[in-house]
Amino acid sequence: MPISEGSPAPDFSLPSTDGREISLQSCKGKKIVLYFYPKDDTPGCTLEACNFRDSIKDFRKNGAVVLGVSPDDLESHKKFQTKFKLPFVLLSDTNHALAEKYGVWKEKAMYGKKYMGIERTTVVIDSLGKIHRIFPKVKVDQHHQEVLAALASAV
């Protein structure tokens, strides 16, 4: 069943770049910016991550934690995080179970070939664990500002 704004956020528990399993429960009481991206160290994904990095103080002022999710493994995530000095954790969803739960594992096409992958999406979860806002098919340029605006109205 697809997620929708106002509904409870599907639970998750994934390994993170800081060595812990991060779950919805472990973030209880905080707003969560759960952003799904296709691949570490690619142009669009790097721009998106760096925009979140450069605005991290504003996200924290809004009581939010930023969590990046992709199907890449932890080794890839750690290299990406180190290379770009990302001050938030990345979650490894190698079997894309979380991406499927959140409805962002989709059929894509490139150069005439069809394949399954992440549709770049951000989900803002409020401090009560409900989905406050869904940003599908994200265009990365000023996306972090849209997310900050949505956080301002989340409980």
N, C-alpha and C. Protein backbone atom coordinates (compact mmCIF):
# COMPACT_ATOMS: atom_id res chain seq x y z
N MET A 1 0.86 -1.19 0.00
CA MET A 1 0.00 0.00 0.00
C MET A 1 0.90 1.24 0.00
N PRO A 2 0.64 2.17 -0.89
CA PRO A 2 1.49 3.37 -0.95
C PRO A 2 1.33 4.23 0.31
N ILE A 3 2.39 4.95 0.64
CA ILE A 3 2.33 5.85 1.78
C ILE A 3 1.55 7.10 1.40
N SER A 4 1.04 7.78 2.41
CA SER A 4 0.32 9.02 2.14
C SER A 4 0.53 9.97 3.31
N GLU A 5 0.42 11.25 2.99
CA GLU A 5 0.59 12.27 4.03
C GLU A 5 -0.49 12.12 5.08
N GLY A 6 -0.08 12.20 6.34
CA GLY A 6 -1.00 12.06 7.47
C GLY A 6 -1.06 10.65 8.03
N SER A 7 -0.54 9.67 7.28
CA SER A 7 -0.56 8.29 7.76
C SER A 7 0.69 8.00 8.59
N PRO A 8 0.65 6.96 9.41
CA PRO A 8 1.85 6.60 10.17
C PRO A 8 2.98 6.20 9.21
N ALA A 9 4.19 6.62 9.54
CA ALA A 9 5.34 6.26 8.71
C ALA A 9 5.65 4.78 8.89
N PRO A 10 5.91 4.06 7.81
CA PRO A 10 6.30 2.65 7.95
C PRO A 10 7.59 2.54 8.75
N ASP A 11 7.63 1.56 9.63
CA ASP A 11 8.80 1.35 10.47
C ASP A 11 9.98 0.90 9.62
N PHE A 12 11.16 1.12 10.12
CA PHE A 12 12.36 0.66 9.45
C PHE A 12 13.47 0.46 10.46
N SER A 13 14.45 -0.32 10.07
CA SER A 13 15.66 -0.51 10.85
C SER A 13 16.75 -0.93 9.87
N LEU A 14 17.73 -0.03 9.68
CA LEU A 14 18.77 -0.27 8.70
C LEU A 14 20.14 0.06 9.28
N PRO A 15 21.18 -0.61 8.78
CA PRO A 15 22.54 -0.28 9.21
C PRO A 15 22.93 1.10 8.68
N SER A 16 23.70 1.82 9.50
CA SER A 16 24.08 3.19 9.14
C SER A 16 25.60 3.35 9.14
N THR A 17 26.02 4.46 8.58
CA THR A 17 27.45 4.76 8.50
C THR A 17 28.08 5.04 9.86
N ASP A 18 27.29 5.25 10.89
CA ASP A 18 27.89 5.45 12.22
C ASP A 18 27.96 4.15 13.02
N GLY A 19 27.67 3.02 12.37
CA GLY A 19 27.80 1.72 13.02
C GLY A 19 26.59 1.25 13.80
N ARG A 20 25.55 2.05 13.83
CA ARG A 20 24.33 1.66 14.54
C ARG A 20 23.25 1.24 13.57
N GLU A 21 22.27 0.51 14.10
CA GLU A 21 21.03 0.27 13.35
C GLU A 21 20.16 1.48 13.66
N ILE A 22 19.72 2.16 12.63
CA ILE A 22 18.84 3.32 12.82
C ILE A 22 17.42 2.87 12.47
N SER A 23 16.51 3.18 13.37
CA SER A 23 15.11 2.81 13.16
C SER A 23 14.21 4.02 13.37
N LEU A 24 12.99 3.87 12.97
CA LEU A 24 12.00 4.92 13.23
C LEU A 24 11.91 5.14 14.75
N GLN A 25 11.93 4.05 15.49
CA GLN A 25 11.84 4.11 16.95
C GLN A 25 13.03 4.86 17.56
N SER A 26 14.23 4.67 17.01
CA SER A 26 15.42 5.33 17.58
C SER A 26 15.41 6.84 17.34
N CYS A 27 14.55 7.29 16.45
CA CYS A 27 14.42 8.73 16.15
C CYS A 27 13.16 9.31 16.77
N LYS A 28 12.50 8.53 17.61
CA LYS A 28 11.23 8.95 18.21
C LYS A 28 11.36 10.32 18.87
N GLY A 29 10.37 11.17 18.62
CA GLY A 29 10.35 12.50 19.21
C GLY A 29 11.06 13.55 18.37
N LYS A 30 11.70 13.11 17.27
CA LYS A 30 12.37 14.05 16.38
C LYS A 30 11.69 14.04 15.02
N LYS A 31 11.81 15.14 14.33
CA LYS A 31 11.37 15.17 12.95
C LYS A 31 12.44 14.48 12.12
N ILE A 32 12.03 13.77 11.08
CA ILE A 32 12.97 13.02 10.26
C ILE A 32 12.84 13.47 8.81
N VAL A 33 13.97 13.76 8.20
CA VAL A 33 14.03 13.98 6.76
C VAL A 33 14.65 12.70 6.20
N LEU A 34 13.81 11.86 5.62
CA LEU A 34 14.25 10.59 5.06
C LEU A 34 14.33 10.79 3.56
N TYR A 35 15.56 10.93 3.06
CA TYR A 35 15.67 11.18 1.63
C TYR A 35 16.28 9.99 0.92
N PHE A 36 15.56 9.53 -0.08
CA PHE A 36 15.97 8.38 -0.88
C PHE A 36 16.66 8.89 -2.13
N TYR A 37 17.84 8.35 -2.41
CA TYR A 37 18.59 8.77 -3.58
C TYR A 37 19.14 7.53 -4.29
N PRO A 38 19.35 7.61 -5.60
CA PRO A 38 19.74 6.42 -6.36
C PRO A 38 21.13 5.86 -6.09
N LYS A 39 22.18 6.71 -6.03
CA LYS A 39 23.53 6.15 -6.00
C LYS A 39 24.53 7.14 -5.42
N ASP A 40 25.43 6.62 -4.58
CA ASP A 40 26.50 7.44 -4.01
C ASP A 40 27.39 8.03 -5.10
N ASP A 41 27.87 9.24 -4.83
CA ASP A 41 28.92 9.88 -5.63
C ASP A 41 28.58 10.02 -7.12
N THR A 42 27.33 10.29 -7.40
CA THR A 42 26.91 10.63 -8.77
C THR A 42 26.50 12.10 -8.74
N PRO A 43 26.47 12.78 -9.89
CA PRO A 43 26.26 14.24 -9.86
C PRO A 43 25.02 14.72 -9.12
N GLY A 44 23.84 14.19 -9.44
CA GLY A 44 22.62 14.65 -8.77
C GLY A 44 22.59 14.30 -7.30
N CYS A 45 23.03 13.09 -6.98
CA CYS A 45 23.01 12.64 -5.59
C CYS A 45 24.03 13.42 -4.75
N THR A 46 25.15 13.76 -5.35
CA THR A 46 26.16 14.55 -4.63
C THR A 46 25.64 15.96 -4.37
N LEU A 47 25.03 16.57 -5.36
CA LEU A 47 24.47 17.92 -5.17
C LEU A 47 23.41 17.92 -4.08
N GLU A 48 22.53 16.92 -4.11
CA GLU A 48 21.48 16.83 -3.10
C GLU A 48 22.08 16.68 -1.71
N ALA A 49 23.03 15.76 -1.55
CA ALA A 49 23.66 15.53 -0.25
C ALA A 49 24.39 16.78 0.25
N CYS A 50 25.09 17.44 -0.65
CA CYS A 50 25.85 18.65 -0.25
C CYS A 50 24.92 19.80 0.11
N ASN A 51 23.77 19.90 -0.54
CA ASN A 51 22.79 20.92 -0.16
C ASN A 51 22.25 20.66 1.24
N PHE A 52 21.96 19.38 1.55
CA PHE A 52 21.54 19.05 2.92
C PHE A 52 22.69 19.34 3.90
N ARG A 53 23.91 18.98 3.52
CA ARG A 53 25.08 19.24 4.37
C ARG A 53 25.22 20.73 4.68
N ASP A 54 25.13 21.55 3.64
CA ASP A 54 25.34 22.99 3.82
C ASP A 54 24.24 23.67 4.62
N SER A 55 23.09 23.01 4.75
CA SER A 55 21.97 23.57 5.51
C SER A 55 21.70 22.82 6.80
N ILE A 56 22.63 21.96 7.21
CA ILE A 56 22.37 21.07 8.35
C ILE A 56 22.01 21.85 9.62
N LYS A 57 22.60 23.01 9.85
CA LYS A 57 22.27 23.79 11.05
C LYS A 57 20.79 24.18 11.05
N ASP A 58 20.26 24.54 9.88
CA ASP A 58 18.85 24.91 9.78
C ASP A 58 17.95 23.70 10.04
N PHE A 59 18.36 22.54 9.55
CA PHE A 59 17.57 21.33 9.81
C PHE A 59 17.56 21.02 11.30
N ARG A 60 18.72 21.13 11.93
CA ARG A 60 18.80 20.85 13.36
C ARG A 60 18.02 21.86 14.19
N LYS A 61 18.03 23.14 13.77
CA LYS A 61 17.23 24.17 14.46
C LYS A 61 15.75 23.82 14.42
N ASN A 62 15.33 23.14 13.36
CA ASN A 62 13.94 22.71 13.21
C ASN A 62 13.67 21.37 13.90
N GLY A 63 14.64 20.88 14.66
CA GLY A 63 14.46 19.63 15.40
C GLY A 63 14.49 18.38 14.53
N ALA A 64 15.15 18.47 13.38
CA ALA A 64 15.13 17.36 12.43
C ALA A 64 16.46 16.63 12.33
N VAL A 65 16.37 15.34 12.09
CA VAL A 65 17.53 14.55 11.71
C VAL A 65 17.40 14.24 10.22
N VAL A 66 18.52 14.29 9.53
CA VAL A 66 18.55 13.99 8.10
C VAL A 66 19.13 12.59 7.95
N LEU A 67 18.43 11.74 7.20
CA LEU A 67 18.87 10.38 6.93
C LEU A 67 18.82 10.13 5.43
N GLY A 68 19.96 9.83 4.83
CA GLY A 68 20.00 9.50 3.41
C GLY A 68 19.92 7.99 3.24
N VAL A 69 19.14 7.55 2.25
CA VAL A 69 18.94 6.11 2.02
C VAL A 69 19.18 5.79 0.55
N SER A 70 20.02 4.79 0.30
CA SER A 70 20.17 4.27 -1.06
C SER A 70 20.50 2.79 -0.97
N PRO A 71 20.45 2.10 -2.10
CA PRO A 71 20.76 0.66 -2.10
C PRO A 71 22.27 0.36 -2.02
N ASP A 72 23.12 1.38 -2.00
CA ASP A 72 24.55 1.15 -1.90
C ASP A 72 24.91 0.53 -0.55
N ASP A 73 26.04 -0.20 -0.52
CA ASP A 73 26.46 -0.83 0.73
C ASP A 73 27.15 0.19 1.65
N LEU A 74 27.40 -0.22 2.88
CA LEU A 74 27.99 0.70 3.87
C LEU A 74 29.37 1.19 3.47
N GLU A 75 30.16 0.35 2.84
CA GLU A 75 31.50 0.78 2.41
C GLU A 75 31.40 1.94 1.42
N SER A 76 30.51 1.82 0.46
CA SER A 76 30.29 2.90 -0.51
C SER A 76 29.79 4.16 0.19
N HIS A 77 28.83 3.98 1.11
CA HIS A 77 28.28 5.11 1.87
C HIS A 77 29.37 5.83 2.67
N LYS A 78 30.24 5.08 3.31
CA LYS A 78 31.28 5.69 4.14
C LYS A 78 32.25 6.51 3.29
N LYS A 79 32.61 5.99 2.12
CA LYS A 79 33.49 6.74 1.21
C LYS A 79 32.81 8.03 0.77
N PHE A 80 31.53 7.94 0.41
CA PHE A 80 30.75 9.10 -0.03
C PHE A 80 30.65 10.12 1.10
N GLN A 81 30.34 9.65 2.29
CA GLN A 81 30.20 10.52 3.46
C GLN A 81 31.51 11.23 3.78
N THR A 82 32.62 10.51 3.73
CA THR A 82 33.93 11.08 4.02
C THR A 82 34.35 12.07 2.94
N LYS A 83 34.20 11.69 1.69
CA LYS A 83 34.62 12.53 0.56
C LYS A 83 33.95 13.90 0.61
N PHE A 84 32.66 13.93 0.96
CA PHE A 84 31.91 15.18 0.94
C PHE A 84 31.60 15.72 2.34
N LYS A 85 32.23 15.14 3.36
CA LYS A 85 32.08 15.61 4.74
C LYS A 85 30.60 15.77 5.13
N LEU A 86 29.84 14.71 4.90
CA LEU A 86 28.40 14.74 5.19
C LEU A 86 28.19 14.57 6.69
N PRO A 87 27.53 15.54 7.35
CA PRO A 87 27.36 15.51 8.81
C PRO A 87 26.10 14.77 9.27
N PHE A 88 25.63 13.83 8.47
CA PHE A 88 24.45 13.04 8.81
C PHE A 88 24.72 11.62 8.34
N VAL A 89 23.95 10.68 8.88
CA VAL A 89 24.19 9.28 8.55
C VAL A 89 23.49 8.88 7.25
N LEU A 90 24.08 7.89 6.62
CA LEU A 90 23.49 7.28 5.43
C LEU A 90 23.10 5.86 5.81
N LEU A 91 21.94 5.44 5.34
CA LEU A 91 21.42 4.11 5.64
C LEU A 91 21.55 3.23 4.41
N SER A 92 21.98 2.00 4.63
CA SER A 92 22.18 1.06 3.54
C SER A 92 20.96 0.15 3.39
N ASP A 93 20.29 0.28 2.26
CA ASP A 93 19.08 -0.49 1.95
C ASP A 93 19.38 -1.41 0.76
N THR A 94 20.39 -2.29 0.95
CA THR A 94 20.89 -3.09 -0.17
C THR A 94 19.83 -4.00 -0.80
N ASN A 95 18.88 -4.46 -0.02
CA ASN A 95 17.82 -5.30 -0.59
C ASN A 95 16.58 -4.49 -0.97
N HIS A 96 16.70 -3.17 -0.90
CA HIS A 96 15.66 -2.18 -1.24
C HIS A 96 14.31 -2.42 -0.57
N ALA A 97 14.33 -3.08 0.59
CA ALA A 97 13.08 -3.34 1.32
C ALA A 97 12.43 -2.05 1.80
N LEU A 98 13.24 -1.12 2.32
CA LEU A 98 12.68 0.16 2.78
C LEU A 98 12.16 0.98 1.61
N ALA A 99 12.92 1.00 0.53
CA ALA A 99 12.48 1.72 -0.67
C ALA A 99 11.14 1.17 -1.17
N GLU A 100 10.99 -0.13 -1.10
CA GLU A 100 9.71 -0.73 -1.52
C GLU A 100 8.59 -0.34 -0.55
N LYS A 101 8.88 -0.40 0.76
CA LYS A 101 7.88 -0.02 1.77
C LYS A 101 7.37 1.40 1.56
N TYR A 102 8.28 2.28 1.19
CA TYR A 102 7.92 3.69 1.01
C TYR A 102 7.48 4.00 -0.43
N GLY A 103 7.44 2.99 -1.27
CA GLY A 103 6.92 3.17 -2.63
C GLY A 103 7.84 3.91 -3.58
N VAL A 104 9.16 3.90 -3.31
CA VAL A 104 10.09 4.64 -4.16
C VAL A 104 10.97 3.73 -5.02
N TRP A 105 10.76 2.41 -4.92
CA TRP A 105 11.48 1.44 -5.77
C TRP A 105 10.63 1.27 -7.02
N LYS A 106 11.09 1.85 -8.13
CA LYS A 106 10.25 1.94 -9.33
C LYS A 106 11.00 1.46 -10.57
N GLU A 107 10.21 1.18 -11.60
CA GLU A 107 10.82 0.87 -12.87
C GLU A 107 11.29 2.18 -13.50
N LYS A 108 12.51 2.17 -13.97
CA LYS A 108 13.11 3.35 -14.59
C LYS A 108 13.62 2.95 -15.97
N ALA A 109 13.95 3.94 -16.76
CA ALA A 109 14.48 3.66 -18.10
C ALA A 109 15.64 4.60 -18.39
N MET A 110 16.71 4.03 -18.97
CA MET A 110 17.85 4.85 -19.38
C MET A 110 18.40 4.24 -20.67
N TYR A 111 18.54 5.07 -21.68
CA TYR A 111 19.05 4.62 -22.98
C TYR A 111 18.25 3.44 -23.51
N GLY A 112 16.94 3.48 -23.30
CA GLY A 112 16.06 2.44 -23.82
C GLY A 112 16.00 1.17 -22.98
N LYS A 113 16.81 1.10 -21.93
CA LYS A 113 16.79 -0.09 -21.07
C LYS A 113 15.95 0.19 -19.84
N LYS A 114 15.13 -0.78 -19.47
CA LYS A 114 14.32 -0.67 -18.27
C LYS A 114 15.02 -1.41 -17.13
N TYR A 115 14.94 -0.84 -15.94
CA TYR A 115 15.54 -1.45 -14.76
C TYR A 115 14.81 -0.91 -13.53
N MET A 116 15.01 -1.57 -12.40
CA MET A 116 14.41 -1.13 -11.14
C MET A 116 15.43 -0.29 -10.37
N GLY A 117 14.93 0.77 -9.74
CA GLY A 117 15.82 1.62 -8.96
C GLY A 117 15.03 2.61 -8.12
N ILE A 118 15.75 3.41 -7.38
CA ILE A 118 15.16 4.43 -6.51
C ILE A 118 14.67 5.61 -7.34
N GLU A 119 13.42 6.01 -7.10
CA GLU A 119 12.94 7.29 -7.63
C GLU A 119 13.23 8.31 -6.54
N ARG A 120 14.08 9.28 -6.86
CA ARG A 120 14.52 10.27 -5.86
C ARG A 120 13.30 10.89 -5.18
N THR A 121 13.19 10.66 -3.88
CA THR A 121 12.02 11.07 -3.10
C THR A 121 12.47 11.46 -1.70
N THR A 122 11.84 12.49 -1.14
CA THR A 122 12.08 12.84 0.26
C THR A 122 10.77 12.73 1.02
N VAL A 123 10.85 12.14 2.20
CA VAL A 123 9.68 12.01 3.07
C VAL A 123 10.01 12.72 4.38
N VAL A 124 9.16 13.66 4.76
CA VAL A 124 9.30 14.35 6.05
C VAL A 124 8.35 13.68 7.03
N ILE A 125 8.93 13.17 8.12
CA ILE A 125 8.15 12.49 9.15
C ILE A 125 8.15 13.39 10.38
N ASP A 126 6.96 13.63 10.94
CA ASP A 126 6.88 14.53 12.10
C ASP A 126 7.33 13.82 13.37
N SER A 127 7.38 14.56 14.47
CA SER A 127 7.89 14.02 15.73
C SER A 127 6.97 12.97 16.33
N LEU A 128 5.76 12.83 15.80
CA LEU A 128 4.82 11.82 16.27
C LEU A 128 4.88 10.55 15.43
N GLY A 129 5.75 10.55 14.40
CA GLY A 129 5.88 9.37 13.55
C GLY A 129 4.91 9.31 12.39
N LYS A 130 4.29 10.45 12.08
CA LYS A 130 3.36 10.49 10.93
C LYS A 130 4.04 11.17 9.75
N ILE A 131 3.63 10.76 8.57
CA ILE A 131 4.17 11.36 7.36
C ILE A 131 3.56 12.75 7.19
N HIS A 132 4.43 13.74 7.25
CA HIS A 132 4.00 15.13 7.13
C HIS A 132 3.98 15.57 5.67
N ARG A 133 5.00 15.18 4.92
CA ARG A 133 5.10 15.65 3.53
C ARG A 133 5.89 14.64 2.70
N ILE A 134 5.47 14.44 1.47
CA ILE A 134 6.17 13.58 0.53
C ILE A 134 6.55 14.43 -0.68
N PHE A 135 7.81 14.38 -1.04
CA PHE A 135 8.32 15.07 -2.23
C PHE A 135 8.75 14.01 -3.23
N PRO A 136 7.88 13.65 -4.20
CA PRO A 136 8.27 12.65 -5.20
C PRO A 136 9.05 13.28 -6.35
N LYS A 137 9.81 12.46 -7.05
CA LYS A 137 10.53 12.90 -8.25
C LYS A 137 11.27 14.22 -8.02
N VAL A 138 12.08 14.24 -6.99
CA VAL A 138 12.79 15.45 -6.56
C VAL A 138 13.72 16.00 -7.64
N LYS A 139 13.66 17.31 -7.81
CA LYS A 139 14.67 18.06 -8.58
C LYS A 139 15.58 18.67 -7.53
N VAL A 140 16.87 18.35 -7.57
CA VAL A 140 17.75 18.60 -6.43
C VAL A 140 18.14 20.06 -6.18
N ASP A 141 18.11 20.91 -7.18
CA ASP A 141 18.69 22.25 -7.04
C ASP A 141 18.32 22.98 -5.75
N GLN A 142 17.08 23.28 -5.53
CA GLN A 142 16.66 24.02 -4.34
C GLN A 142 15.78 23.17 -3.42
N HIS A 143 15.87 21.87 -3.58
CA HIS A 143 15.01 20.96 -2.84
C HIS A 143 15.15 21.11 -1.32
N HIS A 144 16.37 21.29 -0.84
CA HIS A 144 16.58 21.42 0.60
C HIS A 144 15.76 22.57 1.19
N GLN A 145 15.56 23.63 0.41
CA GLN A 145 14.76 24.76 0.90
C GLN A 145 13.27 24.39 1.01
N GLU A 146 12.79 23.58 0.05
CA GLU A 146 11.40 23.10 0.12
C GLU A 146 11.21 22.25 1.38
N VAL A 147 12.20 21.42 1.66
CA VAL A 147 12.11 20.53 2.83
C VAL A 147 12.13 21.35 4.13
N LEU A 148 13.00 22.36 4.18
CA LEU A 148 13.04 23.22 5.35
C LEU A 148 11.69 23.92 5.58
N ALA A 149 11.08 24.38 4.50
CA ALA A 149 9.77 25.03 4.61
C ALA A 149 8.73 24.06 5.15
N ALA A 150 8.77 22.81 4.69
CA ALA A 150 7.82 21.80 5.17
C ALA A 150 8.05 21.48 6.64
N LEU A 151 9.30 21.45 7.07
CA LEU A 151 9.60 21.17 8.47
C LEU A 151 9.02 22.23 9.40
N ALA A 152 8.99 23.46 8.93
CA ALA A 152 8.49 24.55 9.77
C ALA A 152 7.05 24.33 10.20
N SER A 153 6.28 23.61 9.40
CA SER A 153 4.87 23.38 9.75
C SER A 153 4.62 22.00 10.34
N ALA A 154 5.67 21.22 10.55
CA ALA A 154 5.51 19.88 11.13
C ALA A 154 5.60 19.96 12.65
N VAL A 155 4.85 19.09 13.32
CA VAL A 155 4.91 19.04 14.80
C VAL A 155 6.13 18.29 15.25
